[in-house]
Amino acid sequence: MSGREMPDRANAVPVFRQLYVRYRDAISSGQLKPGDRVPSVRALASELNLARGTVEAAYQLLIGEGYLETRGPAGTIVCPQLSTPTSSIPPAPPAPAAYNGIHTGRAPLPLQMGLPALDAFPRKTWTRLASRAIQQGGLDGMIYPNPQGDEALRVALTRYLAISRGIACTPDQVFICAGYRACLELISHSVLKAGDRGWFEDPGYFLARRFFEETHTRLVPVPVDEQGLCVDVGIERAPDARFAVVTPSHQSPLGVSLSLPRRQALLAWASDQR
């Protein structure tokens, strides 16, 4: 395929990557020989009607991998030290399937699960506070943070939990995650493995369901009624399940709360599984 053939803009592979593959394959097959000069970035960008940055990105990849060599005003050439032809190079892997995101970036429809009222977000206030925090931050804000999360926040959370929920814990037992999915990933990688069975509310939170399906865990649907998760049904269907995913305070999507007897039954079941 000629390096000057128009790139396929409908292809899922980025244009700069298409150019990189063309030149790499032409060099490895002997079509371009050591010492051959390649078009300048400006010339090739003009010929293919591309941004110079796109061609530059492809050339930088080729230079970084030793296929091309820059000679300043003399232009860019195929590296003279390459053998002719080079050893066969496996074809580029197929482009990954496009990620099917939950939210597309377009204006969201009202009342979507997992998405707050973005139009009501106080952007100006948030920007002002974020700017102030950056300006007042010291060296601590410019180094790798504690992987468990900000220590001051974890201390504040332990105090809050002790007062409001009666939960006695230390800051070292608190982990701050970057969202619900990150929390599920931490738990999954820490204590679960592919093939584990777990209770899942039916109906339940669709983002959690999608995550566990991607991690190849086996979900056992457990119905929800006006008191929340039917623990007795879960025990009947999968008494040896490794985990249970519940939204006790405000069940998603039904909105009910898990009653105290159900919470106690759920804790008793979990205690028996240890």
C-alpha atoms as a PDB file:
ATOM      1  CA  MET A   1       0.000   0.000   0.000  1.00  0.00           C
ATOM      2  CA  SER A   2       1.527   3.308  -0.998  1.00  0.00           C
ATOM      3  CA  GLY A   3       2.425   5.751   1.749  1.00  0.00           C
ATOM      4  CA  ARG A   4       0.779   8.470  -0.345  1.00  0.00           C
ATOM      5  CA  GLU A   5      -2.540   6.690  -0.742  1.00  0.00           C
ATOM      6  CA  MET A   6      -5.365   8.595   0.923  1.00  0.00           C
ATOM      7  CA  PRO A   7      -6.013   7.254   4.444  1.00  0.00           C
ATOM      8  CA  ASP A   8      -9.344   5.681   5.272  1.00  0.00           C
ATOM      9  CA  ARG A   9     -11.026   8.196   7.578  1.00  0.00           C
ATOM     10  CA  ALA A  10     -13.892   5.794   8.257  1.00  0.00           C
ATOM     11  CA  ASN A  11     -11.451   3.242   9.672  1.00  0.00           C
ATOM     12  CA  ALA A  12     -11.468   2.816  13.448  1.00  0.00           C
ATOM     13  CA  VAL A  13      -7.646   2.905  13.370  1.00  0.00           C
ATOM     14  CA  PRO A  14      -6.394   6.507  13.818  1.00  0.00           C
ATOM     15  CA  VAL A  15      -5.026   8.131  10.670  1.00  0.00           C
ATOM     16  CA  PHE A  16      -1.536   8.603  12.107  1.00  0.00           C
ATOM     17  CA  ARG A  17      -1.446   4.896  12.922  1.00  0.00           C
ATOM     18  CA  GLN A  18      -2.477   4.024   9.356  1.00  0.00           C
ATOM     19  CA  LEU A  19       0.442   6.104   8.033  1.00  0.00           C
ATOM     20  CA  TYR A  20       2.829   4.466  10.481  1.00  0.00           C
ATOM     21  CA  VAL A  21       1.771   0.961   9.393  1.00  0.00           C
ATOM     22  CA  ARG A  22       2.098   1.840   5.691  1.00  0.00           C
ATOM     23  CA  TYR A  23       5.652   3.097   6.012  1.00  0.00           C
ATOM     24  CA  ARG A  24       6.681   0.343   8.405  1.00  0.00           C
ATOM     25  CA  ASP A  25       5.374  -2.339   6.046  1.00  0.00           C
ATOM     26  CA  ALA A  26       6.944  -0.642   3.011  1.00  0.00           C
ATOM     27  CA  ILE A  27      10.323  -0.578   4.743  1.00  0.00           C
ATOM     28  CA  SER A  28      10.105  -4.154   6.051  1.00  0.00           C
ATOM     29  CA  SER A  29       9.068  -5.465   2.609  1.00  0.00           C
ATOM     30  CA  GLY A  30      11.899  -3.664   0.813  1.00  0.00           C
ATOM     31  CA  GLN A  31       9.730  -1.188  -1.109  1.00  0.00           C
ATOM     32  CA  LEU A  32      11.560   1.552   0.751  1.00  0.00           C
ATOM     33  CA  LYS A  33      15.277   0.808   1.068  1.00  0.00           C
ATOM     34  CA  PRO A  34      17.860   2.045   3.595  1.00  0.00           C
ATOM     35  CA  GLY A  35      18.861   5.579   2.704  1.00  0.00           C
ATOM     36  CA  ASP A  36      15.697   6.325   0.694  1.00  0.00           C
ATOM     37  CA  ARG A  37      14.279   9.753   1.392  1.00  0.00           C
ATOM     38  CA  VAL A  38      10.660  10.096   2.519  1.00  0.00           C
ATOM     39  CA  PRO A  39       8.452  13.156   1.949  1.00  0.00           C
ATOM     40  CA  SER A  40       8.699  16.002   4.393  1.00  0.00           C
ATOM     41  CA  VAL A  41       5.965  16.376   6.991  1.00  0.00           C
ATOM     42  CA  ARG A  42       4.669  19.506   5.286  1.00  0.00           C
ATOM     43  CA  ALA A  43       4.650  17.938   1.812  1.00  0.00           C
ATOM     44  CA  LEU A  44       2.908  14.725   2.843  1.00  0.00           C
ATOM     45  CA  ALA A  45       0.351  16.560   4.954  1.00  0.00           C
ATOM     46  CA  SER A  46      -0.492  18.822   2.022  1.00  0.00           C
ATOM     47  CA  GLU A  47      -0.709  15.918  -0.435  1.00  0.00           C
ATOM     48  CA  LEU A  48      -3.006  13.848   1.819  1.00  0.00           C
ATOM     49  CA  ASN A  49      -4.966  16.860   3.095  1.00  0.00           C
ATOM     50  CA  LEU A  50      -4.015  16.078   6.700  1.00  0.00           C
ATOM     51  CA  ALA A  51      -2.953  18.147   9.658  1.00  0.00           C
ATOM     52  CA  ARG A  52       0.823  18.378  10.013  1.00  0.00           C
ATOM     53  CA  GLY A  53       0.516  17.053  13.552  1.00  0.00           C
ATOM     54  CA  THR A  54      -1.016  13.826  12.232  1.00  0.00           C
ATOM     55  CA  VAL A  55       1.907  13.150   9.884  1.00  0.00           C
ATOM     56  CA  GLU A  56       4.379  14.250  12.547  1.00  0.00           C
ATOM     57  CA  ALA A  57       2.907  11.716  14.998  1.00  0.00           C
ATOM     58  CA  ALA A  58       3.373   8.881  12.465  1.00  0.00           C
ATOM     59  CA  TYR A  59       6.935   9.952  11.668  1.00  0.00           C
ATOM     60  CA  GLN A  60       7.853  10.204  15.341  1.00  0.00           C
ATOM     61  CA  LEU A  61       6.709   6.624  15.886  1.00  0.00           C
ATOM     62  CA  LEU A  62       8.835   5.461  12.966  1.00  0.00           C
ATOM     63  CA  ILE A  63      11.838   7.454  14.171  1.00  0.00           C
ATOM     64  CA  GLY A  64      11.414   6.191  17.718  1.00  0.00           C
ATOM     65  CA  GLU A  65      11.415   2.571  16.524  1.00  0.00           C
ATOM     66  CA  GLY A  66      14.456   3.079  14.301  1.00  0.00           C
ATOM     67  CA  TYR A  67      12.809   2.918  10.874  1.00  0.00           C
ATOM     68  CA  LEU A  68      13.462   6.550   9.944  1.00  0.00           C
ATOM     69  CA  GLU A  69      16.278   8.960  10.682  1.00  0.00           C
ATOM     70  CA  THR A  70      16.199  12.738  10.547  1.00  0.00           C
ATOM     71  CA  ARG A  71      19.005  14.610   8.782  1.00  0.00           C
ATOM     72  CA  GLY A  72      17.965  18.165   9.603  1.00  0.00           C
ATOM     73  CA  PRO A  73      17.732  20.327   6.460  1.00  0.00           C
ATOM     74  CA  ALA A  74      18.567  17.250   4.370  1.00  0.00           C
ATOM     75  CA  GLY A  75      15.195  15.735   5.264  1.00  0.00           C
ATOM     76  CA  THR A  76      14.150  12.376   6.680  1.00  0.00           C
ATOM     77  CA  ILE A  77      15.423   9.064   5.312  1.00  0.00           C
ATOM     78  CA  VAL A  78      15.018   5.355   5.924  1.00  0.00           C
ATOM     79  CA  CYS A  79      17.616   4.396   8.505  1.00  0.00           C
ATOM     80  CA  PRO A  80      20.769   3.300   6.607  1.00  0.00           C
ATOM     81  CA  GLN A  81      21.599   0.693   9.269  1.00  0.00           C
ATOM     82  CA  LEU A  82      18.505  -1.379   8.503  1.00  0.00           C
ATOM     83  CA  SER A  83      19.014  -4.686   6.710  1.00  0.00           C
ATOM     84  CA  THR A  84      17.253  -5.196   3.359  1.00  0.00           C
ATOM     85  CA  PRO A  85      14.617  -6.423   3.857  1.00  0.00           C
ATOM     86  CA  THR A  86      14.214  -6.494   7.601  1.00  0.00           C
ATOM     87  CA  SER A  87      12.907  -9.571   9.336  1.00  0.00           C
ATOM     88  CA  SER A  88       9.244 -10.124   8.766  1.00  0.00           C
ATOM     89  CA  ILE A  89       7.022  -8.128  11.067  1.00  0.00           C
ATOM     90  CA  PRO A  90       3.650  -9.497  12.134  1.00  0.00           C
ATOM     91  CA  PRO A  91       0.669  -7.556  10.852  1.00  0.00           C
ATOM     92  CA  ALA A  92      -0.739  -4.885  13.068  1.00  0.00           C
ATOM     93  CA  PRO A  93      -3.366  -6.244  15.451  1.00  0.00           C
ATOM     94  CA  PRO A  94      -6.953  -5.481  14.559  1.00  0.00           C
ATOM     95  CA  ALA A  95      -8.358  -2.323  16.037  1.00  0.00           C
ATOM     96  CA  PRO A  96     -10.215  -2.932  19.279  1.00  0.00           C
ATOM     97  CA  ALA A  97     -13.961  -2.702  19.160  1.00  0.00           C
ATOM     98  CA  ALA A  98     -15.266   0.743  19.892  1.00  0.00           C
ATOM     99  CA  TYR A  99     -16.024   1.202  23.587  1.00  0.00           C
ATOM    100  CA  ASN A 100     -19.744   1.215  24.178  1.00  0.00           C
ATOM    101  CA  GLY A 101     -19.915   3.837  26.912  1.00  0.00           C
ATOM    102  CA  ILE A 102     -22.896   4.339  29.160  1.00  0.00           C
ATOM    103  CA  HIS A 103     -22.957   8.041  28.365  1.00  0.00           C
ATOM    104  CA  THR A 104     -22.109   9.222  24.857  1.00  0.00           C
ATOM    105  CA  GLY A 105     -21.157  12.806  25.682  1.00  0.00           C
ATOM    106  CA  ARG A 106     -24.266  14.197  24.057  1.00  0.00           C
ATOM    107  CA  ALA A 107     -26.782  16.165  26.093  1.00  0.00           C
ATOM    108  CA  PRO A 108     -28.346  13.561  28.428  1.00  0.00           C
ATOM    109  CA  LEU A 109     -32.039  12.876  28.609  1.00  0.00           C
ATOM    110  CA  PRO A 110     -33.792  13.701  31.906  1.00  0.00           C
ATOM    111  CA  LEU A 111     -33.933  11.209  34.787  1.00  0.00           C
ATOM    112  CA  GLN A 112     -31.174   8.867  33.608  1.00  0.00           C
ATOM    113  CA  MET A 113     -29.848   6.393  36.137  1.00  0.00           C
ATOM    114  CA  GLY A 114     -26.245   6.912  37.154  1.00  0.00           C
ATOM    115  CA  LEU A 115     -26.185  10.510  35.927  1.00  0.00           C
ATOM    116  CA  PRO A 116     -26.865  13.553  38.134  1.00  0.00           C
ATOM    117  CA  ALA A 117     -28.527  16.786  37.021  1.00  0.00           C
ATOM    118  CA  LEU A 118     -25.495  18.148  35.189  1.00  0.00           C
ATOM    119  CA  ASP A 119     -27.254  21.386  34.289  1.00  0.00           C
ATOM    120  CA  ALA A 120     -27.595  22.157  38.010  1.00  0.00           C
ATOM    121  CA  PHE A 121     -23.910  21.574  38.786  1.00  0.00           C
ATOM    122  CA  PRO A 122     -22.332  24.736  40.286  1.00  0.00           C
ATOM    123  CA  ARG A 123     -19.509  24.993  37.757  1.00  0.00           C
ATOM    124  CA  LYS A 124     -18.384  28.501  38.725  1.00  0.00           C
ATOM    125  CA  THR A 125     -18.208  27.654  42.409  1.00  0.00           C
ATOM    126  CA  TRP A 126     -16.407  24.391  41.691  1.00  0.00           C
ATOM    127  CA  THR A 127     -13.868  26.123  39.423  1.00  0.00           C
ATOM    128  CA  ARG A 128     -13.202  28.822  42.015  1.00  0.00           C
ATOM    129  CA  LEU A 129     -12.674  26.307  44.832  1.00  0.00           C
ATOM    130  CA  ALA A 130     -10.504  24.041  42.672  1.00  0.00           C
ATOM    131  CA  SER A 131      -8.360  27.011  41.620  1.00  0.00           C
ATOM    132  CA  ARG A 132      -7.968  28.102  45.242  1.00  0.00           C
ATOM    133  CA  ALA A 133      -6.974  24.586  46.315  1.00  0.00           C
ATOM    134  CA  ILE A 134      -4.344  24.380  43.559  1.00  0.00           C
ATOM    135  CA  GLN A 135      -2.894  27.804  44.406  1.00  0.00           C
ATOM    136  CA  GLN A 136      -2.715  27.084  48.132  1.00  0.00           C
ATOM    137  CA  GLY A 137      -1.462  23.526  47.713  1.00  0.00           C
ATOM    138  CA  GLY A 138       2.116  22.761  48.587  1.00  0.00           C
ATOM    139  CA  LEU A 139       4.478  20.047  47.460  1.00  0.00           C
ATOM    140  CA  ASP A 140       2.092  17.374  48.728  1.00  0.00           C
ATOM    141  CA  GLY A 141      -0.221  18.147  45.816  1.00  0.00           C
ATOM    142  CA  MET A 142       2.536  17.599  43.253  1.00  0.00           C
ATOM    143  CA  ILE A 143       3.671  14.108  44.252  1.00  0.00           C
ATOM    144  CA  TYR A 144       2.028  10.700  44.039  1.00  0.00           C
ATOM    145  CA  PRO A 145      -0.822  10.632  46.568  1.00  0.00           C
ATOM    146  CA  ASN A 146      -1.501   7.917  49.103  1.00  0.00           C
ATOM    147  CA  PRO A 147      -3.191   5.071  47.187  1.00  0.00           C
ATOM    148  CA  GLN A 148      -5.745   4.765  49.990  1.00  0.00           C
ATOM    149  CA  GLY A 149      -6.826   8.365  49.514  1.00  0.00           C
ATOM    150  CA  ASP A 150      -6.237  11.680  51.260  1.00  0.00           C
ATOM    151  CA  GLU A 151      -5.381  11.027  54.915  1.00  0.00           C
ATOM    152  CA  ALA A 152      -7.294  14.029  56.254  1.00  0.00           C
ATOM    153  CA  LEU A 153     -10.417  12.853  54.444  1.00  0.00           C
ATOM    154  CA  ARG A 154     -10.041   9.316  55.771  1.00  0.00           C
ATOM    155  CA  VAL A 155      -9.674  10.646  59.330  1.00  0.00           C
ATOM    156  CA  ALA A 156     -12.801  12.763  58.905  1.00  0.00           C
ATOM    157  CA  LEU A 157     -14.716   9.777  57.563  1.00  0.00           C
ATOM    158  CA  THR A 158     -13.781   7.569  60.503  1.00  0.00           C
ATOM    159  CA  ARG A 159     -15.086  10.225  62.888  1.00  0.00           C
ATOM    160  CA  TYR A 160     -18.286  10.593  60.885  1.00  0.00           C
ATOM    161  CA  LEU A 161     -18.872   6.840  60.784  1.00  0.00           C
ATOM    162  CA  ALA A 162     -18.285   6.515  64.527  1.00  0.00           C
ATOM    163  CA  ILE A 163     -20.819   9.230  65.335  1.00  0.00           C
ATOM    164  CA  SER A 164     -23.503   8.723  62.697  1.00  0.00           C
ATOM    165  CA  ARG A 165     -23.323   4.953  62.099  1.00  0.00           C
ATOM    166  CA  GLY A 166     -21.676   3.546  65.210  1.00  0.00           C
ATOM    167  CA  ILE A 167     -18.902   1.967  63.107  1.00  0.00           C
ATOM    168  CA  ALA A 168     -15.541   1.807  64.844  1.00  0.00           C
ATOM    169  CA  CYS A 169     -12.675   1.826  62.333  1.00  0.00           C
ATOM    170  CA  THR A 170      -9.293   3.434  61.776  1.00  0.00           C
ATOM    171  CA  PRO A 171      -8.164   5.616  58.852  1.00  0.00           C
ATOM    172  CA  ASP A 172      -6.025   2.698  57.615  1.00  0.00           C
ATOM    173  CA  GLN A 173      -9.218   0.691  57.087  1.00  0.00           C
ATOM    174  CA  VAL A 174     -10.768   3.368  54.831  1.00  0.00           C
ATOM    175  CA  PHE A 175     -10.118   3.474  51.079  1.00  0.00           C
ATOM    176  CA  ILE A 176     -11.092   6.428  48.894  1.00  0.00           C
ATOM    177  CA  CYS A 177     -11.929   5.295  45.349  1.00  0.00           C
ATOM    178  CA  ALA A 178     -12.434   7.285  42.175  1.00  0.00           C
ATOM    179  CA  GLY A 179     -16.101   6.423  41.831  1.00  0.00           C
ATOM    180  CA  TYR A 180     -18.370   3.414  42.195  1.00  0.00           C
ATOM    181  CA  ARG A 181     -16.750   1.348  39.442  1.00  0.00           C
ATOM    182  CA  ALA A 182     -13.280   1.910  40.870  1.00  0.00           C
ATOM    183  CA  CYS A 183     -14.561   0.664  44.218  1.00  0.00           C
ATOM    184  CA  LEU A 184     -15.964  -2.483  42.588  1.00  0.00           C
ATOM    185  CA  GLU A 185     -12.666  -3.053  40.790  1.00  0.00           C
ATOM    186  CA  LEU A 186     -10.701  -2.787  44.043  1.00  0.00           C
ATOM    187  CA  ILE A 187     -12.966  -5.275  45.785  1.00  0.00           C
ATOM    188  CA  SER A 188     -13.056  -7.629  42.811  1.00  0.00           C
ATOM    189  CA  HIS A 189      -9.270  -7.730  42.376  1.00  0.00           C
ATOM    190  CA  SER A 190      -8.735  -8.109  46.119  1.00  0.00           C
ATOM    191  CA  VAL A 191     -11.141 -10.887  47.104  1.00  0.00           C
ATOM    192  CA  LEU A 192     -12.876 -12.306  44.025  1.00  0.00           C
ATOM    193  CA  LYS A 193     -11.870 -14.388  41.034  1.00  0.00           C
ATOM    194  CA  ALA A 194     -13.480 -15.272  37.700  1.00  0.00           C
ATOM    195  CA  GLY A 195     -16.269 -17.796  38.090  1.00  0.00           C
ATOM    196  CA  ASP A 196     -17.281 -16.774  41.620  1.00  0.00           C
ATOM    197  CA  ARG A 197     -21.034 -16.650  42.182  1.00  0.00           C
ATOM    198  CA  GLY A 198     -22.721 -13.712  43.843  1.00  0.00           C
ATOM    199  CA  TRP A 199     -26.164 -12.374  44.681  1.00  0.00           C
ATOM    200  CA  PHE A 200     -27.382  -9.501  42.575  1.00  0.00           C
ATOM    201  CA  GLU A 201     -30.568  -7.531  43.162  1.00  0.00           C
ATOM    202  CA  ASP A 202     -33.259  -8.171  40.551  1.00  0.00           C
ATOM    203  CA  PRO A 203     -33.856  -5.501  39.385  1.00  0.00           C
ATOM    204  CA  GLY A 204     -30.512  -3.959  40.288  1.00  0.00           C
ATOM    205  CA  TYR A 205     -28.082  -1.207  39.405  1.00  0.00           C
ATOM    206  CA  PHE A 206     -27.209  -1.720  35.747  1.00  0.00           C
ATOM    207  CA  LEU A 207     -23.677  -0.284  35.989  1.00  0.00           C
ATOM    208  CA  ALA A 208     -22.772  -2.828  38.656  1.00  0.00           C
ATOM    209  CA  ARG A 209     -24.282  -5.625  36.589  1.00  0.00           C
ATOM    210  CA  ARG A 210     -22.252  -4.623  33.548  1.00  0.00           C
ATOM    211  CA  PHE A 211     -19.039  -4.525  35.584  1.00  0.00           C
ATOM    212  CA  PHE A 212     -19.491  -8.025  37.012  1.00  0.00           C
ATOM    213  CA  GLU A 213     -20.433  -9.413  33.615  1.00  0.00           C
ATOM    214  CA  GLU A 214     -17.163  -8.010  32.235  1.00  0.00           C
ATOM    215  CA  THR A 215     -15.183  -9.673  35.035  1.00  0.00           C
ATOM    216  CA  HIS A 216     -16.808 -13.064  34.288  1.00  0.00           C
ATOM    217  CA  THR A 217     -18.369 -13.541  37.688  1.00  0.00           C
ATOM    218  CA  ARG A 218     -21.635 -15.453  37.838  1.00  0.00           C
ATOM    219  CA  LEU A 219     -24.575 -13.375  39.024  1.00  0.00           C
ATOM    220  CA  VAL A 220     -27.499 -15.022  40.792  1.00  0.00           C
ATOM    221  CA  PRO A 221     -30.629 -12.830  40.536  1.00  0.00           C
ATOM    222  CA  VAL A 222     -32.333 -12.299  43.886  1.00  0.00           C
ATOM    223  CA  PRO A 223     -35.720 -10.538  43.905  1.00  0.00           C
ATOM    224  CA  VAL A 224     -36.436  -7.283  45.717  1.00  0.00           C
ATOM    225  CA  ASP A 225     -39.715  -6.475  47.471  1.00  0.00           C
ATOM    226  CA  GLU A 226     -40.959  -3.637  49.680  1.00  0.00           C
ATOM    227  CA  GLN A 227     -38.386  -4.607  52.359  1.00  0.00           C
ATOM    228  CA  GLY A 228     -35.466  -4.802  49.980  1.00  0.00           C
ATOM    229  CA  LEU A 229     -33.380  -7.824  49.021  1.00  0.00           C
ATOM    230  CA  CYS A 230     -35.107 -11.168  49.719  1.00  0.00           C
ATOM    231  CA  VAL A 231     -32.278 -12.751  51.686  1.00  0.00           C
ATOM    232  CA  ASP A 232     -34.104 -16.047  52.153  1.00  0.00           C
ATOM    233  CA  VAL A 233     -34.424 -16.433  48.375  1.00  0.00           C
ATOM    234  CA  GLY A 234     -30.725 -15.712  47.959  1.00  0.00           C
ATOM    235  CA  ILE A 235     -29.843 -18.397  50.498  1.00  0.00           C
ATOM    236  CA  GLU A 236     -32.131 -20.847  48.704  1.00  0.00           C
ATOM    237  CA  ARG A 237     -30.677 -20.142  45.259  1.00  0.00           C
ATOM    238  CA  ALA A 238     -27.010 -19.781  46.143  1.00  0.00           C
ATOM    239  CA  PRO A 239     -26.180 -20.432  49.805  1.00  0.00           C
ATOM    240  CA  ASP A 240     -22.453 -20.613  49.032  1.00  0.00           C
ATOM    241  CA  ALA A 241     -22.239 -17.352  47.048  1.00  0.00           C
ATOM    242  CA  ARG A 242     -18.974 -15.449  47.465  1.00  0.00           C
ATOM    243  CA  PHE A 243     -20.512 -11.983  47.535  1.00  0.00           C
ATOM    244  CA  ALA A 244     -23.727  -9.982  47.463  1.00  0.00           C
ATOM    245  CA  VAL A 245     -24.247  -6.638  45.730  1.00  0.00           C
ATOM    246  CA  VAL A 246     -26.882  -4.562  47.520  1.00  0.00           C
ATOM    247  CA  THR A 247     -27.977  -0.927  47.613  1.00  0.00           C
ATOM    248  CA  PRO A 248     -29.502  -0.938  51.107  1.00  0.00           C
ATOM    249  CA  SER A 249     -30.313   2.701  51.833  1.00  0.00           C
ATOM    250  CA  HIS A 250     -31.959   3.574  48.516  1.00  0.00           C
ATOM    251  CA  GLN A 251     -32.342   0.554  46.279  1.00  0.00           C
ATOM    252  CA  SER A 252     -31.670   1.125  42.595  1.00  0.00           C
ATOM    253  CA  PRO A 253     -33.987   1.359  40.733  1.00  0.00           C
ATOM    254  CA  LEU A 254     -36.966   0.737  43.048  1.00  0.00           C
ATOM    255  CA  GLY A 255     -35.967   3.174  45.790  1.00  0.00           C
ATOM    256  CA  VAL A 256     -36.886   0.965  48.779  1.00  0.00           C
ATOM    257  CA  SER A 257     -34.708   0.626  51.889  1.00  0.00           C
ATOM    258  CA  LEU A 258     -33.447  -2.688  53.208  1.00  0.00           C
ATOM    259  CA  SER A 259     -35.378  -3.372  56.416  1.00  0.00           C
ATOM    260  CA  LEU A 260     -33.550  -4.022  59.694  1.00  0.00           C
ATOM    261  CA  PRO A 261     -34.528  -7.734  59.846  1.00  0.00           C
ATOM    262  CA  ARG A 262     -33.241  -8.201  56.283  1.00  0.00           C
ATOM    263  CA  ARG A 263     -29.997  -6.405  57.120  1.00  0.00           C
ATOM    264  CA  GLN A 264     -29.487  -8.645  60.127  1.00  0.00           C
ATOM    265  CA  ALA A 265     -30.237 -11.740  58.042  1.00  0.00           C
ATOM    266  CA  LEU A 266     -27.798 -10.587  55.354  1.00  0.00           C
ATOM    267  CA  LEU A 267     -25.042 -10.006  57.920  1.00  0.00           C
ATOM    268  CA  ALA A 268     -25.710 -13.389  59.550  1.00  0.00           C
ATOM    269  CA  TRP A 269     -25.431 -15.126  56.158  1.00  0.00           C
ATOM    270  CA  ALA A 270     -22.210 -13.250  55.318  1.00  0.00           C
ATOM    271  CA  SER A 271     -20.738 -14.155  58.719  1.00  0.00           C
ATOM    272  CA  ASP A 272     -21.474 -17.831  58.112  1.00  0.00           C
ATOM    273  CA  GLN A 273     -19.582 -17.749  54.794  1.00  0.00           C
ATOM    274  CA  ARG A 274     -16.224 -16.803  56.364  1.00  0.00           C
END
